[in-house]
C-alpha atoms as a PDB file:
ATOM      1  CA  MET A   1       0.000   0.000   0.000  1.00  0.00           C
ATOM      2  CA  ARG A   2       1.355   3.384  -1.010  1.00  0.00           C
ATOM      3  CA  ILE A   3       0.826   6.499   1.069  1.00  0.00           C
ATOM      4  CA  SER A   4      -0.735   9.445  -0.733  1.00  0.00           C
ATOM      5  CA  PHE A   5       1.327  12.604  -0.374  1.00  0.00           C
ATOM      6  CA  ALA A   6      -0.414  15.319  -2.324  1.00  0.00           C
ATOM      7  CA  LEU A   7      -2.590  16.603   0.518  1.00  0.00           C
ATOM      8  CA  VAL A   8      -1.524  14.768   3.656  1.00  0.00           C
ATOM      9  CA  ILE A   9       0.436  17.601   5.235  1.00  0.00           C
ATOM     10  CA  PHE A  10      -2.715  19.669   5.737  1.00  0.00           C
ATOM     11  CA  VAL A  11      -5.176  16.898   6.462  1.00  0.00           C
ATOM     12  CA  GLY A  12      -7.426  17.763   9.400  1.00  0.00           C
ATOM     13  CA  VAL A  13      -7.186  15.506  12.406  1.00  0.00           C
ATOM     14  CA  ILE A  14     -10.413  13.789  13.487  1.00  0.00           C
ATOM     15  CA  VAL A  15     -10.195  12.425  17.013  1.00  0.00           C
ATOM     16  CA  PRO A  16     -12.469   9.404  17.519  1.00  0.00           C
ATOM     17  CA  CYS A  17     -14.432   8.621  20.639  1.00  0.00           C
ATOM     18  CA  ALA A  18     -12.276   6.938  23.264  1.00  0.00           C
ATOM     19  CA  PHE A  19     -12.379   3.189  23.323  1.00  0.00           C
ATOM     20  CA  VAL A  20     -10.665   0.432  25.272  1.00  0.00           C
ATOM     21  CA  ARG A  21      -9.297  -2.615  23.510  1.00  0.00           C
ATOM     22  CA  ALA A  22      -9.794  -5.735  25.600  1.00  0.00           C
ATOM     23  CA  ALA A  23      -6.567  -7.382  26.663  1.00  0.00           C
ATOM     24  CA  PRO A  24      -6.038 -10.715  24.887  1.00  0.00           C
ATOM     25  CA  ASN A  25      -6.299 -13.760  27.137  1.00  0.00           C
ATOM     26  CA  ASP A  26      -5.191 -16.548  24.834  1.00  0.00           C
ATOM     27  CA  ALA A  27      -3.114 -17.205  21.722  1.00  0.00           C
ATOM     28  CA  HIS A  28      -6.135 -16.892  19.423  1.00  0.00           C
ATOM     29  CA  ASP A  29      -7.036 -13.475  20.839  1.00  0.00           C
ATOM     30  CA  THR A  30      -3.401 -12.374  20.570  1.00  0.00           C
ATOM     31  CA  ALA A  31      -3.270 -13.312  16.884  1.00  0.00           C
ATOM     32  CA  ARG A  32      -6.602 -11.586  16.240  1.00  0.00           C
ATOM     33  CA  THR A  33      -5.413  -8.418  18.019  1.00  0.00           C
ATOM     34  CA  GLN A  34      -2.199  -8.372  15.999  1.00  0.00           C
ATOM     35  CA  SER A  35      -4.187  -8.847  12.797  1.00  0.00           C
ATOM     36  CA  ASN A  36      -6.449  -5.914  13.679  1.00  0.00           C
ATOM     37  CA  ASP A  37      -3.456  -3.762  14.535  1.00  0.00           C
ATOM     38  CA  ALA A  38      -1.768  -4.664  11.250  1.00  0.00           C
ATOM     39  CA  GLN A  39      -4.847  -3.439   9.385  1.00  0.00           C
ATOM     40  CA  ASP A  40      -5.402  -0.343  11.525  1.00  0.00           C
ATOM     41  CA  CYS A  41      -1.741   0.663  11.344  1.00  0.00           C
ATOM     42  CA  VAL A  42      -1.780   1.006   7.541  1.00  0.00           C
ATOM     43  CA  SER A  43      -5.315   2.372   7.328  1.00  0.00           C
ATOM     44  CA  SER A  44      -6.414   5.883   6.410  1.00  0.00           C
ATOM     45  CA  GLY A  45      -8.041   6.256   9.806  1.00  0.00           C
ATOM     46  CA  PRO A  46      -7.521   9.074  12.314  1.00  0.00           C
ATOM     47  CA  PRO A  47      -3.836   9.638  13.149  1.00  0.00           C
ATOM     48  CA  ASP A  48      -4.299   8.780  16.850  1.00  0.00           C
ATOM     49  CA  ALA A  49      -5.745   5.370  15.952  1.00  0.00           C
ATOM     50  CA  VAL A  50      -2.982   4.708  13.418  1.00  0.00           C
ATOM     51  CA  ILE A  51      -0.277   5.686  15.897  1.00  0.00           C
ATOM     52  CA  ALA A  52      -1.749   3.461  18.608  1.00  0.00           C
ATOM     53  CA  ALA A  53      -2.037   0.424  16.323  1.00  0.00           C
ATOM     54  CA  CYS A  54       1.450   0.861  14.877  1.00  0.00           C
ATOM     55  CA  THR A  55       2.930   1.336  18.357  1.00  0.00           C
ATOM     56  CA  ARG A  56       1.397  -1.935  19.550  1.00  0.00           C
ATOM     57  CA  LEU A  57       2.889  -3.723  16.547  1.00  0.00           C
ATOM     58  CA  ILE A  58       6.319  -2.212  17.140  1.00  0.00           C
ATOM     59  CA  GLU A  59       6.275  -3.041  20.848  1.00  0.00           C
ATOM     60  CA  SER A  60       4.981  -6.585  20.330  1.00  0.00           C
ATOM     61  CA  ARG A  61       8.392  -7.672  18.996  1.00  0.00           C
ATOM     62  CA  GLN A  62       6.556 -10.301  16.961  1.00  0.00           C
ATOM     63  CA  SER A  63       6.588  -8.546  13.601  1.00  0.00           C
ATOM     64  CA  SER A  64       8.819  -9.410  10.664  1.00  0.00           C
ATOM     65  CA  ALA A  65      11.350  -6.850   9.476  1.00  0.00           C
ATOM     66  CA  ALA A  66       9.040  -5.888   6.607  1.00  0.00           C
ATOM     67  CA  GLU A  67       6.049  -5.497   8.923  1.00  0.00           C
ATOM     68  CA  LEU A  68       8.120  -3.489  11.394  1.00  0.00           C
ATOM     69  CA  GLY A  69       9.308  -1.178   8.627  1.00  0.00           C
ATOM     70  CA  ARG A  70       5.713  -0.546   7.545  1.00  0.00           C
ATOM     71  CA  ALA A  71       4.697   0.152  11.147  1.00  0.00           C
ATOM     72  CA  TYR A  72       7.428   2.793  11.512  1.00  0.00           C
ATOM     73  CA  LEU A  73       6.552   4.236   8.098  1.00  0.00           C
ATOM     74  CA  TYR A  74       2.847   4.666   8.809  1.00  0.00           C
ATOM     75  CA  ARG A  75       3.327   5.792  12.389  1.00  0.00           C
ATOM     76  CA  GLY A  76       5.749   8.434  11.150  1.00  0.00           C
ATOM     77  CA  ALA A  77       3.238   9.639   8.564  1.00  0.00           C
ATOM     78  CA  ALA A  78       0.531   9.868  11.231  1.00  0.00           C
ATOM     79  CA  GLU A  79       2.885  11.733  13.586  1.00  0.00           C
ATOM     80  CA  ARG A  80       3.604  14.192  10.775  1.00  0.00           C
ATOM     81  CA  ASN A  81      -0.109  14.758  10.222  1.00  0.00           C
ATOM     82  CA  LYS A  82      -0.462  15.613  13.917  1.00  0.00           C
ATOM     83  CA  GLY A  83       2.459  18.035  13.706  1.00  0.00           C
ATOM     84  CA  HIS A  84       4.798  15.847  15.798  1.00  0.00           C
ATOM     85  CA  LEU A  85       7.702  16.435  13.452  1.00  0.00           C
ATOM     86  CA  ASP A  86      10.593  15.157  15.589  1.00  0.00           C
ATOM     87  CA  ALA A  87       8.754  11.896  16.256  1.00  0.00           C
ATOM     88  CA  ALA A  88       7.967  11.595  12.548  1.00  0.00           C
ATOM     89  CA  VAL A  89      11.629  11.920  11.578  1.00  0.00           C
ATOM     90  CA  ARG A  90      12.654   9.306  14.165  1.00  0.00           C
ATOM     91  CA  ASP A  91      10.119   6.847  12.796  1.00  0.00           C
ATOM     92  CA  GLU A  92      11.084   7.392   9.168  1.00  0.00           C
ATOM     93  CA  ASP A  93      14.764   7.041  10.128  1.00  0.00           C
ATOM     94  CA  ALA A  94      13.865   3.669  11.661  1.00  0.00           C
ATOM     95  CA  ALA A  95      11.887   2.654   8.576  1.00  0.00           C
ATOM     96  CA  LEU A  96      14.842   3.535   6.343  1.00  0.00           C
ATOM     97  CA  ARG A  97      17.281   1.569   8.483  1.00  0.00           C
ATOM     98  CA  LEU A  98      15.102  -1.463   7.786  1.00  0.00           C
ATOM     99  CA  ASP A  99      14.585  -0.621   4.104  1.00  0.00           C
ATOM    100  CA  PRO A 100      17.035   2.016   2.798  1.00  0.00           C
ATOM    101  CA  LYS A 101      15.281   2.068  -0.583  1.00  0.00           C
ATOM    102  CA  SER A 102      11.792   2.746   0.739  1.00  0.00           C
ATOM    103  CA  VAL A 103      10.359   5.410  -1.559  1.00  0.00           C
ATOM    104  CA  ASP A 104       7.498   6.095   0.841  1.00  0.00           C
ATOM    105  CA  ALA A 105       9.762   6.593   3.857  1.00  0.00           C
ATOM    106  CA  HIS A 106      11.954   9.038   1.930  1.00  0.00           C
ATOM    107  CA  MET A 107       8.850  10.879   0.749  1.00  0.00           C
ATOM    108  CA  VAL A 108       7.374  11.194   4.229  1.00  0.00           C
ATOM    109  CA  ARG A 109      10.695  12.253   5.761  1.00  0.00           C
ATOM    110  CA  GLY A 110      11.258  14.726   2.930  1.00  0.00           C
ATOM    111  CA  THR A 111       7.898  16.393   3.523  1.00  0.00           C
ATOM    112  CA  VAL A 112       8.647  16.558   7.250  1.00  0.00           C
ATOM    113  CA  HIS A 113      12.008  18.221   6.569  1.00  0.00           C
ATOM    114  CA  GLY A 114      10.157  20.708   4.367  1.00  0.00           C
ATOM    115  CA  MET A 115       7.705  21.484   7.158  1.00  0.00           C
ATOM    116  CA  ARG A 116      10.704  22.089   9.439  1.00  0.00           C
ATOM    117  CA  LYS A 117      12.169  24.411   6.773  1.00  0.00           C
ATOM    118  CA  ASP A 118      15.227  22.168   6.440  1.00  0.00           C
ATOM    119  CA  PHE A 119      15.073  22.365   2.674  1.00  0.00           C
ATOM    120  CA  ASN A 120      18.498  20.859   2.006  1.00  0.00           C
ATOM    121  CA  ALA A 121      17.517  17.722   3.915  1.00  0.00           C
ATOM    122  CA  ALA A 122      14.157  17.642   2.102  1.00  0.00           C
ATOM    123  CA  ILE A 123      15.886  17.844  -1.274  1.00  0.00           C
ATOM    124  CA  GLY A 124      18.190  15.014  -0.223  1.00  0.00           C
ATOM    125  CA  ASP A 125      15.228  12.740   0.425  1.00  0.00           C
ATOM    126  CA  PHE A 126      13.526  13.645  -2.842  1.00  0.00           C
ATOM    127  CA  ASP A 127      16.841  13.081  -4.647  1.00  0.00           C
ATOM    128  CA  ALA A 128      16.887   9.580  -3.161  1.00  0.00           C
ATOM    129  CA  VAL A 129      13.357   8.922  -4.410  1.00  0.00           C
ATOM    130  CA  LEU A 130      14.198  10.103  -7.921  1.00  0.00           C
ATOM    131  CA  GLN A 131      17.272   7.874  -8.044  1.00  0.00           C
ATOM    132  CA  ILE A 132      14.919   4.923  -7.483  1.00  0.00           C
ATOM    133  CA  GLU A 133      11.937   6.243  -9.475  1.00  0.00           C
ATOM    134  CA  PRO A 134      13.088   8.940 -11.937  1.00  0.00           C
ATOM    135  CA  ASN A 135       9.508   9.692 -13.003  1.00  0.00           C
ATOM    136  CA  ASN A 136       8.033  10.058  -9.517  1.00  0.00           C
ATOM    137  CA  LEU A 137       5.756  13.041 -10.047  1.00  0.00           C
ATOM    138  CA  GLU A 138       5.299  13.858  -6.368  1.00  0.00           C
ATOM    139  CA  ALA A 139       9.039  13.860  -5.686  1.00  0.00           C
ATOM    140  CA  HIS A 140       9.612  16.301  -8.560  1.00  0.00           C
ATOM    141  CA  ALA A 141       6.806  18.544  -7.291  1.00  0.00           C
ATOM    142  CA  TYR A 142       8.004  18.587  -3.687  1.00  0.00           C
ATOM    143  CA  ARG A 143      11.654  19.019  -4.657  1.00  0.00           C
ATOM    144  CA  GLY A 144      10.705  21.893  -6.937  1.00  0.00           C
ATOM    145  CA  ALA A 145       8.835  23.548  -4.076  1.00  0.00           C
ATOM    146  CA  ALA A 146      11.889  23.117  -1.832  1.00  0.00           C
ATOM    147  CA  TYR A 147      14.116  24.712  -4.466  1.00  0.00           C
ATOM    148  CA  VAL A 148      11.716  27.663  -4.640  1.00  0.00           C
ATOM    149  CA  GLN A 149      12.091  28.128  -0.889  1.00  0.00           C
ATOM    150  CA  LYS A 150      15.874  28.211  -1.391  1.00  0.00           C
ATOM    151  CA  HIS A 151      15.446  30.751  -4.217  1.00  0.00           C
ATOM    152  CA  GLU A 152      17.029  28.297  -6.664  1.00  0.00           C
ATOM    153  CA  ILE A 153      14.473  28.999  -9.347  1.00  0.00           C
ATOM    154  CA  GLU A 154      16.221  27.364 -12.296  1.00  0.00           C
ATOM    155  CA  ALA A 155      16.421  24.078 -10.405  1.00  0.00           C
ATOM    156  CA  ALA A 156      12.778  24.458  -9.408  1.00  0.00           C
ATOM    157  CA  LEU A 157      11.783  25.023 -13.020  1.00  0.00           C
ATOM    158  CA  ARG A 158      13.501  21.804 -14.094  1.00  0.00           C
ATOM    159  CA  ASP A 159      11.396  19.899 -11.595  1.00  0.00           C
ATOM    160  CA  PHE A 160       8.186  21.691 -12.544  1.00  0.00           C
ATOM    161  CA  ASP A 161       8.941  21.008 -16.220  1.00  0.00           C
ATOM    162  CA  ALA A 162       9.073  17.323 -15.287  1.00  0.00           C
ATOM    163  CA  VAL A 163       5.756  17.571 -13.429  1.00  0.00           C
ATOM    164  CA  ALA A 164       4.055  19.199 -16.425  1.00  0.00           C
ATOM    165  CA  ARG A 165       5.514  16.544 -18.733  1.00  0.00           C
ATOM    166  CA  LEU A 166       4.423  13.685 -16.477  1.00  0.00           C
ATOM    167  CA  ASP A 167       0.952  15.110 -15.832  1.00  0.00           C
ATOM    168  CA  PRO A 168       0.051  17.340 -18.790  1.00  0.00           C
ATOM    169  CA  GLN A 169      -3.621  17.511 -17.769  1.00  0.00           C
ATOM    170  CA  SER A 170      -2.863  18.883 -14.298  1.00  0.00           C
ATOM    171  CA  SER A 171      -3.900  22.489 -13.773  1.00  0.00           C
ATOM    172  CA  ALA A 172      -1.867  22.553 -10.568  1.00  0.00           C
ATOM    173  CA  ALA A 173       1.294  21.509 -12.414  1.00  0.00           C
ATOM    174  CA  PHE A 174       1.108  24.452 -14.821  1.00  0.00           C
ATOM    175  CA  TYR A 175       0.087  26.867 -12.088  1.00  0.00           C
ATOM    176  CA  GLN A 176       3.062  25.829  -9.964  1.00  0.00           C
ATOM    177  CA  ARG A 177       5.457  26.269 -12.870  1.00  0.00           C
ATOM    178  CA  GLY A 178       3.880  29.620 -13.669  1.00  0.00           C
ATOM    179  CA  MET A 179       4.617  30.843 -10.171  1.00  0.00           C
ATOM    180  CA  ALA A 180       8.249  29.800 -10.553  1.00  0.00           C
ATOM    181  CA  TYR A 181       8.491  31.640 -13.878  1.00  0.00           C
ATOM    182  CA  ARG A 182       7.047  34.734 -12.196  1.00  0.00           C
ATOM    183  CA  LEU A 183       9.720  34.527  -9.474  1.00  0.00           C
ATOM    184  CA  ALA A 184      12.324  34.263 -12.238  1.00  0.00           C
ATOM    185  CA  GLY A 185      10.939  37.435 -13.817  1.00  0.00           C
ATOM    186  CA  GLN A 186       9.791  35.546 -16.924  1.00  0.00           C
ATOM    187  CA  HIS A 187       6.301  37.017 -16.881  1.00  0.00           C
ATOM    188  CA  ASP A 188       5.328  36.024 -20.409  1.00  0.00           C
ATOM    189  CA  ARG A 189       5.973  32.356 -19.656  1.00  0.00           C
ATOM    190  CA  ALA A 190       4.260  32.688 -16.287  1.00  0.00           C
ATOM    191  CA  CYS A 191       1.112  34.080 -17.890  1.00  0.00           C
ATOM    192  CA  ARG A 192       1.087  31.352 -20.529  1.00  0.00           C
ATOM    193  CA  ASP A 193       1.210  28.726 -17.793  1.00  0.00           C
ATOM    194  CA  PHE A 194      -1.567  30.448 -15.838  1.00  0.00           C
ATOM    195  CA  ALA A 195      -3.659  30.484 -19.014  1.00  0.00           C
ATOM    196  CA  THR A 196      -3.057  26.766 -19.516  1.00  0.00           C
ATOM    197  CA  ALA A 197      -3.948  26.117 -15.881  1.00  0.00           C
ATOM    198  CA  VAL A 198      -7.256  27.977 -16.368  1.00  0.00           C
ATOM    199  CA  GLN A 199      -7.945  26.095 -19.594  1.00  0.00           C
ATOM    200  CA  LEU A 200      -7.439  22.775 -17.806  1.00  0.00           C
ATOM    201  CA  ALA A 201      -9.446  23.783 -14.724  1.00  0.00           C
ATOM    202  CA  PRO A 202     -11.700  26.792 -15.421  1.00  0.00           C
ATOM    203  CA  ASP A 203     -12.710  27.030 -11.759  1.00  0.00           C
ATOM    204  CA  ASN A 204      -9.172  27.035 -10.313  1.00  0.00           C
ATOM    205  CA  PRO A 205      -9.245  30.245  -8.206  1.00  0.00           C
ATOM    206  CA  LEU A 206      -5.458  30.480  -7.911  1.00  0.00           C
ATOM    207  CA  ALA A 207      -4.892  30.305 -11.652  1.00  0.00           C
ATOM    208  CA  LEU A 208      -7.832  32.624 -12.348  1.00  0.00           C
ATOM    209  CA  THR A 209      -6.431  35.222  -9.946  1.00  0.00           C
ATOM    210  CA  ASP A 210      -2.885  35.151 -11.254  1.00  0.00           C
ATOM    211  CA  LEU A 211      -3.992  35.215 -14.878  1.00  0.00           C
ATOM    212  CA  GLY A 212      -6.209  38.143 -13.934  1.00  0.00           C
ATOM    213  CA  ALA A 213      -3.158  39.846 -12.454  1.00  0.00           C
ATOM    214  CA  CYS A 214      -1.324  39.378 -15.747  1.00  0.00           C
ATOM    215  CA  TYR A 215      -4.070  41.304 -17.546  1.00  0.00           C
ATOM    216  CA  LEU A 216      -4.410  43.819 -14.729  1.00  0.00           C
ATOM    217  CA  ASP A 217      -0.737  44.755 -14.447  1.00  0.00           C
ATOM    218  CA  GLY A 218       0.315  44.212 -18.056  1.00  0.00           C
ATOM    219  CA  LEU A 219       3.225  41.994 -17.056  1.00  0.00           C
ATOM    220  CA  GLY A 220       3.541  39.204 -19.586  1.00  0.00           C
ATOM    221  CA  LEU A 221       0.326  40.150 -21.385  1.00  0.00           C
ATOM    222  CA  GLU A 222      -1.115  43.336 -22.811  1.00  0.00           C
ATOM    223  CA  LYS A 223      -3.221  45.176 -20.257  1.00  0.00           C
ATOM    224  CA  ASP A 224      -6.890  44.310 -20.489  1.00  0.00           C
ATOM    225  CA  PRO A 225      -8.881  45.534 -17.469  1.00  0.00           C
ATOM    226  CA  LYS A 226     -12.103  43.996 -18.797  1.00  0.00           C
ATOM    227  CA  ARG A 227     -10.572  40.527 -19.093  1.00  0.00           C
ATOM    228  CA  ALA A 228      -8.894  40.978 -15.706  1.00  0.00           C
ATOM    229  CA  ALA A 229     -12.250  41.825 -14.143  1.00  0.00           C
ATOM    230  CA  GLU A 230     -13.874  38.734 -15.675  1.00  0.00           C
ATOM    231  CA  LEU A 231     -11.200  36.408 -14.296  1.00  0.00           C
ATOM    232  CA  LEU A 232     -11.019  38.050 -10.886  1.00  0.00           C
ATOM    233  CA  SER A 233     -14.807  38.090 -10.536  1.00  0.00           C
ATOM    234  CA  LYS A 234     -14.932  34.360 -11.202  1.00  0.00           C
ATOM    235  CA  ALA A 235     -12.223  33.708  -8.611  1.00  0.00           C
ATOM    236  CA  ALA A 236     -13.924  36.029  -6.120  1.00  0.00           C
ATOM    237  CA  GLN A 237     -17.158  34.080  -6.536  1.00  0.00           C
ATOM    238  CA  LYS A 238     -15.213  31.061  -5.302  1.00  0.00           C
ATOM    239  CA  GLY A 239     -14.519  32.991  -2.093  1.00  0.00           C
ATOM    240  CA  PHE A 240     -10.812  33.566  -2.822  1.00  0.00           C
ATOM    241  CA  PRO A 241      -9.740  36.652  -0.776  1.00  0.00           C
ATOM    242  CA  PRO A 242      -6.822  37.813  -2.987  1.00  0.00           C
ATOM    243  CA  ALA A 243      -9.162  37.914  -5.968  1.00  0.00           C
ATOM    244  CA  LYS A 244     -11.629  40.034  -4.013  1.00  0.00           C
ATOM    245  CA  GLU A 245      -8.866  42.451  -3.008  1.00  0.00           C
ATOM    246  CA  MET A 246      -7.575  42.791  -6.568  1.00  0.00           C
ATOM    247  CA  LEU A 247     -11.086  43.268  -7.899  1.00  0.00           C
ATOM    248  CA  THR A 248     -11.630  46.075  -5.386  1.00  0.00           C
ATOM    249  CA  ARG A 249      -8.366  47.674  -6.506  1.00  0.00           C
ATOM    250  CA  LEU A 250      -9.473  47.447 -10.129  1.00  0.00           C
ATOM    251  CA  ASN A 251     -12.886  48.989  -9.445  1.00  0.00           C
ATOM    252  CA  GLN A 252     -11.362  51.821  -7.411  1.00  0.00           C
ATOM    253  CA  GLY A 253      -9.055  52.653 -10.308  1.00  0.00           C
ATOM    254  CA  LYS A 254     -11.927  53.178 -12.746  1.00  0.00           C
END
């Protein structure tokens, strides 16, 4: 089972009602408990439940090396989702000691390093993933974002080029590359990517707003206040605050 990375960092935590697991009293109950824990540990359930199940597996000392590695991997991911970043790194370190080529463990640890603003360490983990899986879209996307944070825009653009190549129907991929082009001062390319992002997802408020800005400011495209207003109005209808602010600025300038 592969962990999904695209949204996990910001997943809301749902705390279930408290429950008490009955202590096993014979070998059959012990095996059944371990089986339940093995399922709960790798589930998409609430982080607290995942952490508890994985911890029981780790402390049982009855798991195989592969099972133990998965328990550390998933517990680390759940710790990350709760914001327990030091614990998450410790668990992913343990998972990688058991399986140094675990793509998932490198991905989780890389995202944790990014959350800690240790972008060099994050890039190192995503490098490791791409050595194993050169076309791993998520690793390119996360590494590109880390390079942006380091203001290494050319390196970021190489990764975002790879994302757009690997997922040419992704509005987010073109939007992300457009933002990098804007940071590089290549406004014409940025606006073209924003336009592609809008074409692929006409309701994408981020792309609508930034393409509207292109028309509003005349950077990368010829000024067109009417077109800017159309795009910004659509984004504002989605409840996107920056679009509302820019639309107000446009109306005040009339």
